[in-house]
C-alpha cells in the first residue's frame, strides 16, 4: 500500500486517517491497542504523528487490513517477530514504490 503524505516532521490525525482511507477513530483505537504507536500530544491533546509512527501504522494496516490478522494476532506477530517482520515489510514497501516509479516512467516513454 502506498501512502501519499508530504515529507514533514509531524502529521495530524486527520491527514493520517485520510492518507490511510480510515476514520480518525480507528487510528485512535489502534493507538490504544498497539504499544508501538506513540504519537506526541500537544497541550491541547492533539496527536502529532512522526515518520516512525507512520511506518508503524503502515505495518499495522498491512497486518490487519491487507493480511487479515485479528488485533490479537497482529499484536502477537509484532511482539514475536517485530524486527524481522518490520524489515521484510520495509523491503517490500520500497520495492513496491520502485515498481510504481518504473511504471510511471514506462508510461511516459
N, C-alpha and C. Protein backbone atom coordinates (compact mmCIF):
# COMPACT_ATOMS: atom_id res chain seq x y z
N UNK A 1 0.84 -1.18 0.00
CA UNK A 1 0.00 0.00 0.00
C UNK A 1 0.88 1.23 0.00
N UNK A 2 0.56 2.16 -0.87
CA UNK A 2 1.33 3.40 -0.97
C UNK A 2 0.55 4.51 -0.28
N UNK A 3 1.18 5.12 0.72
CA UNK A 3 0.57 6.22 1.46
C UNK A 3 1.12 7.52 0.89
N UNK A 4 0.22 8.42 0.51
CA UNK A 4 0.64 9.67 -0.09
C UNK A 4 0.60 10.79 0.95
N UNK A 5 1.73 10.97 1.65
CA UNK A 5 1.87 12.03 2.64
C UNK A 5 3.08 12.88 2.27
N UNK A 6 2.99 14.20 2.42
CA UNK A 6 4.16 15.04 2.14
C UNK A 6 5.24 14.81 3.19
N UNK A 7 6.48 15.12 2.83
CA UNK A 7 7.59 14.98 3.78
C UNK A 7 7.53 16.12 4.78
N UNK A 8 7.28 15.80 6.03
CA UNK A 8 7.36 16.78 7.10
C UNK A 8 7.57 16.08 8.42
N UNK A 9 7.80 16.86 9.44
CA UNK A 9 8.18 16.29 10.74
C UNK A 9 6.99 15.65 11.46
N UNK A 10 5.85 16.33 11.49
CA UNK A 10 4.68 15.83 12.21
C UNK A 10 3.44 15.88 11.33
N UNK A 11 2.55 14.91 11.55
CA UNK A 11 1.29 14.83 10.82
C UNK A 11 0.14 14.82 11.82
N UNK A 12 -0.93 15.52 11.49
CA UNK A 12 -2.13 15.49 12.32
C UNK A 12 -2.90 14.21 12.09
N UNK A 13 -3.77 13.88 13.03
CA UNK A 13 -4.52 12.62 12.93
C UNK A 13 -5.46 12.64 11.72
N UNK A 14 -5.99 13.81 11.36
CA UNK A 14 -6.88 13.90 10.22
C UNK A 14 -6.20 13.56 8.91
N UNK A 15 -5.00 14.10 8.71
CA UNK A 15 -4.30 13.81 7.46
C UNK A 15 -3.78 12.38 7.42
N UNK A 16 -3.45 11.82 8.58
CA UNK A 16 -3.02 10.42 8.63
C UNK A 16 -4.20 9.51 8.28
N UNK A 17 -5.35 9.77 8.89
CA UNK A 17 -6.54 8.95 8.62
C UNK A 17 -6.93 9.05 7.14
N UNK A 18 -6.86 10.24 6.58
CA UNK A 18 -7.21 10.42 5.17
C UNK A 18 -6.24 9.66 4.27
N UNK A 19 -4.96 9.70 4.59
CA UNK A 19 -3.95 9.00 3.78
C UNK A 19 -4.18 7.50 3.79
N UNK A 20 -4.62 6.96 4.93
CA UNK A 20 -4.87 5.53 5.04
C UNK A 20 -6.29 5.15 4.60
N UNK A 21 -7.14 6.13 4.41
CA UNK A 21 -8.51 5.85 4.00
C UNK A 21 -9.36 5.26 5.11
N UNK A 22 -9.10 5.66 6.35
CA UNK A 22 -9.85 5.16 7.51
C UNK A 22 -10.33 6.34 8.34
N UNK A 23 -11.18 6.06 9.31
CA UNK A 23 -11.65 7.10 10.22
C UNK A 23 -10.61 7.41 11.28
N UNK A 24 -10.66 8.63 11.81
CA UNK A 24 -9.72 9.01 12.88
C UNK A 24 -9.93 8.14 14.11
N UNK A 25 -11.16 7.68 14.32
CA UNK A 25 -11.43 6.83 15.48
C UNK A 25 -10.65 5.52 15.41
N UNK A 26 -10.45 4.99 14.20
CA UNK A 26 -9.67 3.76 14.05
C UNK A 26 -8.20 4.00 14.41
N UNK A 27 -7.68 5.14 14.00
CA UNK A 27 -6.29 5.48 14.34
C UNK A 27 -6.14 5.60 15.85
N UNK A 28 -7.09 6.28 16.51
CA UNK A 28 -7.05 6.40 17.97
C UNK A 28 -7.17 5.03 18.64
N UNK A 29 -8.04 4.17 18.10
CA UNK A 29 -8.22 2.83 18.65
C UNK A 29 -6.93 2.02 18.54
N UNK A 30 -6.30 2.06 17.35
CA UNK A 30 -5.04 1.35 17.17
C UNK A 30 -3.96 1.89 18.10
N UNK A 31 -4.00 3.18 18.35
CA UNK A 31 -3.02 3.78 19.28
C UNK A 31 -3.15 3.15 20.67
N UNK A 32 -4.38 2.92 21.10
CA UNK A 32 -4.61 2.30 22.41
C UNK A 32 -4.23 0.83 22.41
N UNK A 33 -4.44 0.15 21.29
CA UNK A 33 -4.23 -1.29 21.21
C UNK A 33 -2.77 -1.69 21.00
N UNK A 34 -2.01 -0.88 20.27
CA UNK A 34 -0.65 -1.26 19.90
C UNK A 34 0.36 -0.36 20.60
N UNK A 35 1.28 -0.98 21.32
CA UNK A 35 2.29 -0.26 22.08
C UNK A 35 3.27 0.52 21.21
N UNK A 36 3.48 0.08 19.97
CA UNK A 36 4.47 0.73 19.13
C UNK A 36 4.01 2.09 18.61
N UNK A 37 2.72 2.39 18.73
CA UNK A 37 2.22 3.71 18.32
C UNK A 37 2.25 4.66 19.49
N UNK A 38 3.08 5.66 19.39
CA UNK A 38 3.21 6.63 20.46
C UNK A 38 3.30 8.04 19.88
N UNK A 39 2.18 8.55 19.34
CA UNK A 39 2.25 9.91 18.79
C UNK A 39 2.43 10.94 19.92
N UNK A 40 3.10 12.01 19.60
CA UNK A 40 3.27 13.08 20.57
C UNK A 40 1.96 13.83 20.68
N UNK A 41 1.71 14.42 21.84
CA UNK A 41 0.50 15.21 22.02
C UNK A 41 0.89 16.60 22.49
N UNK A 42 0.21 17.61 21.94
CA UNK A 42 0.50 18.98 22.36
C UNK A 42 -0.34 19.32 23.59
N UNK A 43 -0.31 20.57 24.03
CA UNK A 43 -1.01 20.98 25.24
C UNK A 43 -2.52 20.75 25.13
N UNK A 44 -3.07 20.85 23.94
CA UNK A 44 -4.50 20.62 23.73
C UNK A 44 -4.85 19.14 23.66
N UNK A 45 -3.84 18.30 23.55
CA UNK A 45 -4.08 16.86 23.42
C UNK A 45 -4.17 16.39 21.99
N UNK A 46 -3.85 17.27 21.03
CA UNK A 46 -3.85 16.87 19.62
C UNK A 46 -2.67 15.96 19.34
N UNK A 47 -2.93 14.89 18.62
CA UNK A 47 -1.88 13.93 18.30
C UNK A 47 -1.05 14.42 17.12
N UNK A 48 0.25 14.24 17.25
CA UNK A 48 1.19 14.58 16.17
C UNK A 48 2.01 13.33 15.88
N UNK A 49 1.81 12.77 14.70
CA UNK A 49 2.46 11.53 14.31
C UNK A 49 3.77 11.81 13.60
N UNK A 50 4.82 11.07 13.97
CA UNK A 50 6.13 11.20 13.35
C UNK A 50 6.25 10.21 12.19
N UNK A 51 7.37 10.30 11.48
CA UNK A 51 7.62 9.34 10.40
C UNK A 51 7.66 7.91 10.93
N UNK A 52 8.22 7.72 12.13
CA UNK A 52 8.28 6.40 12.76
C UNK A 52 6.86 5.88 13.03
N UNK A 53 5.98 6.76 13.52
CA UNK A 53 4.59 6.37 13.76
C UNK A 53 3.90 5.96 12.46
N UNK A 54 4.17 6.71 11.39
CA UNK A 54 3.57 6.40 10.09
C UNK A 54 4.04 5.03 9.62
N UNK A 55 5.33 4.75 9.78
CA UNK A 55 5.89 3.45 9.39
C UNK A 55 5.21 2.33 10.18
N UNK A 56 5.03 2.53 11.48
CA UNK A 56 4.37 1.52 12.31
C UNK A 56 2.89 1.37 11.93
N UNK A 57 2.23 2.48 11.63
CA UNK A 57 0.83 2.43 11.19
C UNK A 57 0.70 1.65 9.88
N UNK A 58 1.64 1.87 8.97
CA UNK A 58 1.61 1.13 7.70
C UNK A 58 1.70 -0.37 7.95
N UNK A 59 2.57 -0.74 8.89
CA UNK A 59 2.75 -2.16 9.19
C UNK A 59 1.50 -2.73 9.84
N UNK A 60 0.91 -2.01 10.78
CA UNK A 60 -0.33 -2.46 11.43
C UNK A 60 -1.45 -2.57 10.39
N UNK A 61 -1.56 -1.56 9.54
CA UNK A 61 -2.58 -1.57 8.49
C UNK A 61 -2.38 -2.79 7.58
N UNK A 62 -1.14 -3.06 7.23
CA UNK A 62 -0.82 -4.21 6.39
C UNK A 62 -1.26 -5.52 7.06
N UNK A 63 -0.93 -5.66 8.33
CA UNK A 63 -1.27 -6.90 9.04
C UNK A 63 -2.78 -7.07 9.17
N UNK A 64 -3.46 -6.01 9.61
CA UNK A 64 -4.89 -6.10 9.93
C UNK A 64 -5.77 -6.03 8.69
N UNK A 65 -5.54 -5.05 7.85
CA UNK A 65 -6.44 -4.83 6.71
C UNK A 65 -6.08 -5.65 5.47
N UNK A 66 -4.80 -5.80 5.21
CA UNK A 66 -4.40 -6.47 3.98
C UNK A 66 -4.20 -7.98 4.17
N UNK A 67 -3.63 -8.38 5.30
CA UNK A 67 -3.37 -9.80 5.52
C UNK A 67 -4.45 -10.47 6.36
N UNK A 68 -5.36 -9.69 6.94
CA UNK A 68 -6.50 -10.26 7.65
C UNK A 68 -6.21 -10.75 9.06
N UNK A 69 -5.15 -10.25 9.68
CA UNK A 69 -4.87 -10.63 11.07
C UNK A 69 -5.93 -10.07 11.99
N UNK A 70 -6.24 -10.79 13.06
CA UNK A 70 -7.05 -10.20 14.12
C UNK A 70 -6.15 -9.25 14.89
N UNK A 71 -6.74 -8.41 15.73
CA UNK A 71 -5.91 -7.49 16.52
C UNK A 71 -4.96 -8.26 17.42
N UNK A 72 -5.46 -9.31 18.05
CA UNK A 72 -4.61 -10.11 18.92
C UNK A 72 -3.51 -10.80 18.12
N UNK A 73 -3.84 -11.30 16.95
CA UNK A 73 -2.85 -11.94 16.10
C UNK A 73 -1.78 -10.95 15.66
N UNK A 74 -2.20 -9.73 15.32
CA UNK A 74 -1.24 -8.70 14.91
C UNK A 74 -0.33 -8.32 16.08
N UNK A 75 -0.90 -8.23 17.29
CA UNK A 75 -0.09 -7.91 18.47
C UNK A 75 0.96 -8.99 18.71
N UNK A 76 0.54 -10.24 18.63
CA UNK A 76 1.47 -11.36 18.84
C UNK A 76 2.56 -11.34 17.77
N UNK A 77 2.16 -11.13 16.53
CA UNK A 77 3.12 -11.08 15.42
C UNK A 77 4.13 -9.96 15.64
N UNK A 78 3.67 -8.81 16.09
CA UNK A 78 4.56 -7.69 16.35
C UNK A 78 5.54 -7.99 17.47
N UNK A 79 5.07 -8.63 18.54
CA UNK A 79 5.93 -8.91 19.68
C UNK A 79 6.95 -9.99 19.36
N UNK A 80 6.53 -11.05 18.69
CA UNK A 80 7.42 -12.17 18.46
C UNK A 80 8.42 -11.92 17.34
N UNK A 81 7.98 -11.30 16.29
CA UNK A 81 8.84 -11.17 15.11
C UNK A 81 8.96 -9.72 14.66
N UNK A 82 8.98 -8.79 15.60
CA UNK A 82 8.93 -7.38 15.24
C UNK A 82 10.04 -6.97 14.29
N UNK A 83 11.27 -7.23 14.63
CA UNK A 83 12.38 -6.76 13.80
C UNK A 83 12.39 -7.41 12.42
N UNK A 84 12.26 -8.71 12.38
CA UNK A 84 12.28 -9.41 11.09
C UNK A 84 11.09 -9.03 10.23
N UNK A 85 9.91 -8.98 10.85
CA UNK A 85 8.70 -8.65 10.09
C UNK A 85 8.74 -7.21 9.59
N UNK A 86 9.18 -6.28 10.43
CA UNK A 86 9.27 -4.88 10.01
C UNK A 86 10.29 -4.72 8.90
N UNK A 87 11.40 -5.42 9.02
CA UNK A 87 12.43 -5.34 8.00
C UNK A 87 11.90 -5.85 6.66
N UNK A 88 11.24 -6.99 6.67
CA UNK A 88 10.65 -7.55 5.45
C UNK A 88 9.60 -6.62 4.87
N UNK A 89 8.78 -6.05 5.74
CA UNK A 89 7.73 -5.15 5.29
C UNK A 89 8.33 -3.90 4.64
N UNK A 90 9.39 -3.35 5.25
CA UNK A 90 10.04 -2.17 4.68
C UNK A 90 10.63 -2.47 3.32
N UNK A 91 11.24 -3.64 3.18
CA UNK A 91 11.83 -4.02 1.90
C UNK A 91 10.74 -4.13 0.83
N UNK A 92 9.65 -4.80 1.16
CA UNK A 92 8.55 -4.95 0.21
C UNK A 92 7.95 -3.59 -0.14
N UNK A 93 7.80 -2.71 0.84
CA UNK A 93 7.26 -1.38 0.58
C UNK A 93 8.15 -0.59 -0.37
N UNK A 94 9.46 -0.66 -0.14
CA UNK A 94 10.39 0.06 -1.02
C UNK A 94 10.34 -0.51 -2.43
N UNK A 95 10.27 -1.83 -2.54
CA UNK A 95 10.17 -2.44 -3.87
C UNK A 95 8.89 -2.05 -4.59
N UNK A 96 7.78 -1.94 -3.84
CA UNK A 96 6.52 -1.51 -4.45
C UNK A 96 6.62 -0.07 -4.93
N UNK A 97 7.30 0.79 -4.16
CA UNK A 97 7.50 2.17 -4.58
C UNK A 97 8.33 2.24 -5.86
N UNK A 98 9.38 1.43 -5.91
CA UNK A 98 10.23 1.39 -7.11
C UNK A 98 9.42 0.91 -8.30
N UNK A 99 8.59 -0.10 -8.08
CA UNK A 99 7.75 -0.62 -9.16
C UNK A 99 6.81 0.47 -9.68
N UNK A 100 6.19 1.21 -8.77
CA UNK A 100 5.29 2.30 -9.17
C UNK A 100 6.04 3.36 -9.99
N UNK A 101 7.25 3.69 -9.54
CA UNK A 101 8.04 4.68 -10.27
C UNK A 101 8.41 4.18 -11.65
N UNK A 102 8.78 2.90 -11.75
CA UNK A 102 9.13 2.35 -13.06
C UNK A 102 7.93 2.30 -14.00
N UNK A 103 6.76 2.00 -13.47
CA UNK A 103 5.54 2.00 -14.30
C UNK A 103 5.26 3.40 -14.81
N UNK A 104 5.44 4.41 -13.97
CA UNK A 104 5.23 5.79 -14.40
C UNK A 104 6.23 6.19 -15.49
N UNK A 105 7.47 5.77 -15.33
CA UNK A 105 8.49 6.06 -16.33
C UNK A 105 8.12 5.38 -17.65
N UNK A 106 7.68 4.14 -17.58
CA UNK A 106 7.30 3.39 -18.78
C UNK A 106 6.15 4.08 -19.51
N UNK A 107 5.19 4.62 -18.75
CA UNK A 107 4.04 5.28 -19.35
C UNK A 107 4.44 6.56 -20.08
N UNK A 108 5.51 7.21 -19.61
CA UNK A 108 5.96 8.46 -20.21
C UNK A 108 6.83 8.24 -21.44
N UNK A 109 7.24 7.01 -21.70
CA UNK A 109 8.09 6.73 -22.87
C UNK A 109 7.30 6.69 -24.15
